Amino acid sequence: MTTLAVNFENRVSSQEIEIATAKNDAARDAIHVDEIHARVFDASAIASGFISAAFIAKLRFLAVLVKQEGQRQLAAPHRRR
């Protein structure tokens, strides 16, 4: 299965590129999950909450996940300040 992501520049990126970027980005180590809630349904789940970091303001996030091949996959993330 191929996984694609849209990076912070709104460009399509591969999973390998995103993992390499995250490993080399020291600022990502400073992200803190302040609050998280999850609702699990049969073949989907919704997660929401707040994250904060030194380099950004506190963000609210919402993520929709769907079950594919026995694992939950991120289908639609959203965040806003």
N, C-alpha and C. Protein backbone atom coordinates (compact mmCIF):
# COMPACT_ATOMS: atom_id res chain seq x y z
N MET A 1 0.84 -1.18 0.00
CA MET A 1 0.00 0.00 0.00
C MET A 1 0.89 1.24 0.00
N THR A 2 0.59 2.18 -0.85
CA THR A 2 1.33 3.43 -0.92
C THR A 2 0.64 4.47 -0.07
N THR A 3 1.42 5.17 0.75
CA THR A 3 0.88 6.23 1.60
C THR A 3 1.40 7.56 1.10
N LEU A 4 0.49 8.50 0.88
CA LEU A 4 0.85 9.84 0.47
C LEU A 4 0.40 10.83 1.53
N ALA A 5 1.11 11.92 1.64
CA ALA A 5 0.75 12.98 2.59
C ALA A 5 0.92 14.32 1.90
N VAL A 6 0.22 15.32 2.40
CA VAL A 6 0.41 16.68 1.92
C VAL A 6 1.19 17.39 3.01
N ASN A 7 2.37 17.92 2.65
CA ASN A 7 3.22 18.55 3.66
C ASN A 7 2.80 19.98 3.95
N PHE A 8 3.54 20.67 4.81
CA PHE A 8 3.18 22.02 5.23
C PHE A 8 3.21 23.03 4.09
N GLU A 9 3.81 22.68 2.96
CA GLU A 9 3.83 23.55 1.79
C GLU A 9 2.73 23.19 0.80
N ASN A 10 1.80 22.33 1.19
CA ASN A 10 0.71 21.83 0.34
C ASN A 10 1.22 21.06 -0.87
N ARG A 11 2.34 20.38 -0.71
CA ARG A 11 2.88 19.53 -1.77
C ARG A 11 2.71 18.07 -1.37
N VAL A 12 2.39 17.24 -2.35
CA VAL A 12 2.24 15.82 -2.08
C VAL A 12 3.62 15.24 -1.77
N SER A 13 3.68 14.45 -0.71
CA SER A 13 4.93 13.88 -0.25
C SER A 13 4.70 12.41 0.07
N SER A 14 5.75 11.62 0.06
CA SER A 14 5.62 10.20 0.38
C SER A 14 5.84 9.96 1.86
N GLN A 15 5.46 8.80 2.32
CA GLN A 15 5.66 8.44 3.73
C GLN A 15 7.15 8.45 4.07
N GLU A 16 7.99 7.96 3.18
CA GLU A 16 9.42 7.92 3.43
C GLU A 16 10.00 9.32 3.63
N ILE A 17 9.57 10.26 2.80
CA ILE A 17 10.07 11.64 2.91
C ILE A 17 9.59 12.27 4.22
N GLU A 18 8.33 12.05 4.59
CA GLU A 18 7.81 12.62 5.82
C GLU A 18 8.51 12.05 7.05
N ILE A 19 8.81 10.77 7.06
CA ILE A 19 9.52 10.15 8.19
C ILE A 19 10.94 10.70 8.28
N ALA A 20 11.63 10.82 7.15
CA ALA A 20 12.99 11.37 7.15
C ALA A 20 12.98 12.82 7.63
N THR A 21 12.01 13.60 7.21
CA THR A 21 11.90 15.00 7.64
C THR A 21 11.66 15.07 9.15
N ALA A 22 10.76 14.25 9.65
CA ALA A 22 10.46 14.26 11.08
C ALA A 22 11.67 13.85 11.92
N LYS A 23 12.44 12.89 11.45
CA LYS A 23 13.63 12.45 12.20
C LYS A 23 14.69 13.53 12.26
N ASN A 24 14.75 14.39 11.25
CA ASN A 24 15.76 15.44 11.20
C ASN A 24 15.27 16.79 11.71
N ASP A 25 14.04 16.86 12.17
CA ASP A 25 13.46 18.12 12.63
C ASP A 25 13.37 18.12 14.15
N ALA A 26 14.32 18.78 14.80
CA ALA A 26 14.38 18.80 16.26
C ALA A 26 13.15 19.46 16.87
N ALA A 27 12.55 20.40 16.16
CA ALA A 27 11.38 21.11 16.70
C ALA A 27 10.19 20.17 16.90
N ARG A 28 10.10 19.12 16.11
CA ARG A 28 8.98 18.18 16.25
C ARG A 28 9.05 17.43 17.58
N ASP A 29 10.23 17.35 18.18
CA ASP A 29 10.35 16.70 19.48
C ASP A 29 9.65 17.50 20.58
N ALA A 30 9.38 18.76 20.32
CA ALA A 30 8.80 19.64 21.33
C ALA A 30 7.27 19.68 21.29
N ILE A 31 6.64 18.90 20.44
CA ILE A 31 5.18 18.89 20.35
C ILE A 31 4.61 18.14 21.55
N HIS A 32 3.58 18.72 22.15
CA HIS A 32 2.95 18.13 23.33
C HIS A 32 1.46 17.98 23.08
N VAL A 33 0.92 16.80 23.35
CA VAL A 33 -0.52 16.58 23.25
C VAL A 33 -1.13 17.00 24.57
N ASP A 34 -1.91 18.08 24.55
CA ASP A 34 -2.52 18.61 25.77
C ASP A 34 -3.81 17.89 26.13
N GLU A 35 -4.56 17.49 25.11
CA GLU A 35 -5.85 16.86 25.35
C GLU A 35 -6.19 16.01 24.13
N ILE A 36 -6.73 14.82 24.34
CA ILE A 36 -7.13 13.97 23.22
C ILE A 36 -8.37 13.17 23.59
N HIS A 37 -9.29 13.07 22.63
CA HIS A 37 -10.52 12.31 22.80
C HIS A 37 -10.69 11.44 21.56
N ALA A 38 -11.21 10.25 21.73
CA ALA A 38 -11.41 9.36 20.59
C ALA A 38 -12.76 8.67 20.69
N ARG A 39 -13.41 8.52 19.54
CA ARG A 39 -14.63 7.72 19.42
C ARG A 39 -14.34 6.67 18.38
N VAL A 40 -14.52 5.41 18.74
CA VAL A 40 -14.25 4.31 17.82
C VAL A 40 -15.57 3.72 17.37
N PHE A 41 -15.70 3.60 16.06
CA PHE A 41 -16.87 2.98 15.45
C PHE A 41 -16.41 1.68 14.80
N ASP A 42 -17.29 1.00 14.14
CA ASP A 42 -16.94 -0.30 13.57
C ASP A 42 -15.73 -0.24 12.64
N ALA A 43 -15.81 0.54 11.58
CA ALA A 43 -14.72 0.59 10.61
C ALA A 43 -14.07 1.97 10.54
N SER A 44 -14.34 2.83 11.52
CA SER A 44 -13.76 4.16 11.51
C SER A 44 -13.58 4.65 12.94
N ALA A 45 -12.88 5.76 13.06
CA ALA A 45 -12.66 6.39 14.37
C ALA A 45 -12.46 7.88 14.16
N ILE A 46 -12.77 8.65 15.19
CA ILE A 46 -12.55 10.09 15.16
C ILE A 46 -11.75 10.46 16.39
N ALA A 47 -10.67 11.20 16.20
CA ALA A 47 -9.85 11.69 17.31
C ALA A 47 -9.85 13.21 17.26
N SER A 48 -9.93 13.84 18.43
CA SER A 48 -9.88 15.29 18.48
C SER A 48 -9.18 15.71 19.76
N GLY A 49 -8.70 16.95 19.78
CA GLY A 49 -8.04 17.45 20.97
C GLY A 49 -7.21 18.69 20.69
N PHE A 50 -6.24 18.93 21.57
CA PHE A 50 -5.37 20.10 21.45
C PHE A 50 -3.91 19.65 21.51
N ILE A 51 -3.07 20.28 20.68
CA ILE A 51 -1.62 20.08 20.75
C ILE A 51 -0.96 21.45 20.86
N SER A 52 0.20 21.48 21.47
CA SER A 52 0.95 22.74 21.57
C SER A 52 2.42 22.45 21.38
N ALA A 53 3.15 23.49 21.00
CA ALA A 53 4.59 23.39 20.80
C ALA A 53 5.18 24.78 20.90
N ALA A 54 6.47 24.83 21.13
CA ALA A 54 7.16 26.11 21.28
C ALA A 54 7.11 26.93 19.99
N PHE A 55 7.09 26.27 18.84
CA PHE A 55 7.16 26.98 17.56
C PHE A 55 5.80 27.31 16.96
N ILE A 56 4.70 26.86 17.60
CA ILE A 56 3.35 27.17 17.11
C ILE A 56 2.45 27.48 18.30
N ALA A 57 1.33 28.10 18.01
CA ALA A 57 0.33 28.33 19.06
C ALA A 57 -0.37 27.00 19.35
N LYS A 58 -1.19 27.01 20.35
CA LYS A 58 -1.99 25.82 20.66
C LYS A 58 -2.95 25.58 19.50
N LEU A 59 -3.02 24.33 19.03
CA LEU A 59 -3.87 23.98 17.90
C LEU A 59 -4.93 22.98 18.32
N ARG A 60 -6.11 23.14 17.77
CA ARG A 60 -7.15 22.12 17.89
C ARG A 60 -7.00 21.22 16.67
N PHE A 61 -7.15 19.91 16.87
CA PHE A 61 -7.07 19.00 15.73
C PHE A 61 -8.25 18.05 15.72
N LEU A 62 -8.55 17.56 14.55
CA LEU A 62 -9.59 16.57 14.33
C LEU A 62 -9.05 15.61 13.28
N ALA A 63 -9.17 14.33 13.53
CA ALA A 63 -8.66 13.34 12.57
C ALA A 63 -9.69 12.23 12.40
N VAL A 64 -9.94 11.88 11.16
CA VAL A 64 -10.83 10.77 10.84
C VAL A 64 -9.95 9.62 10.36
N LEU A 65 -10.16 8.45 10.95
CA LEU A 65 -9.39 7.27 10.59
C LEU A 65 -10.34 6.19 10.08
N VAL A 66 -9.90 5.40 9.11
CA VAL A 66 -10.70 4.29 8.61
C VAL A 66 -9.87 3.01 8.71
N LYS A 67 -10.56 1.90 8.90
CA LYS A 67 -9.86 0.63 9.03
C LYS A 67 -9.65 0.03 7.64
N GLN A 68 -8.39 -0.26 7.33
CA GLN A 68 -8.02 -0.91 6.06
C GLN A 68 -7.03 -2.00 6.37
N GLU A 69 -7.32 -3.20 5.90
CA GLU A 69 -6.45 -4.35 6.11
C GLU A 69 -6.14 -4.56 7.59
N GLY A 70 -7.15 -4.33 8.45
CA GLY A 70 -7.00 -4.58 9.87
C GLY A 70 -6.34 -3.48 10.68
N GLN A 71 -5.90 -2.39 10.04
CA GLN A 71 -5.26 -1.29 10.75
C GLN A 71 -5.96 0.02 10.44
N ARG A 72 -5.97 0.91 11.41
CA ARG A 72 -6.58 2.23 11.20
C ARG A 72 -5.60 3.12 10.46
N GLN A 73 -6.09 3.76 9.41
CA GLN A 73 -5.28 4.65 8.57
C GLN A 73 -5.89 6.05 8.63
N LEU A 74 -5.04 7.04 8.71
CA LEU A 74 -5.48 8.43 8.72
C LEU A 74 -6.12 8.76 7.38
N ALA A 75 -7.38 9.20 7.41
CA ALA A 75 -8.10 9.51 6.18
C ALA A 75 -8.25 11.01 5.96
N ALA A 76 -8.53 11.76 7.02
CA ALA A 76 -8.78 13.19 6.86
C ALA A 76 -8.38 13.95 8.12
N PRO A 77 -7.16 14.51 8.15
CA PRO A 77 -6.76 15.33 9.30
C PRO A 77 -7.16 16.78 9.09
N HIS A 78 -7.41 17.47 10.18
CA HIS A 78 -7.70 18.92 10.13
C HIS A 78 -7.16 19.55 11.39
N ARG A 79 -6.61 20.74 11.28
CA ARG A 79 -6.13 21.48 12.45
C ARG A 79 -6.37 22.96 12.23
N ARG A 80 -6.55 23.67 13.35
CA ARG A 80 -6.71 25.12 13.25
C ARG A 80 -6.25 25.77 14.56
N ARG A 81 -5.84 27.00 14.44
CA ARG A 81 -5.36 27.74 15.61
C ARG A 81 -6.50 28.30 16.39
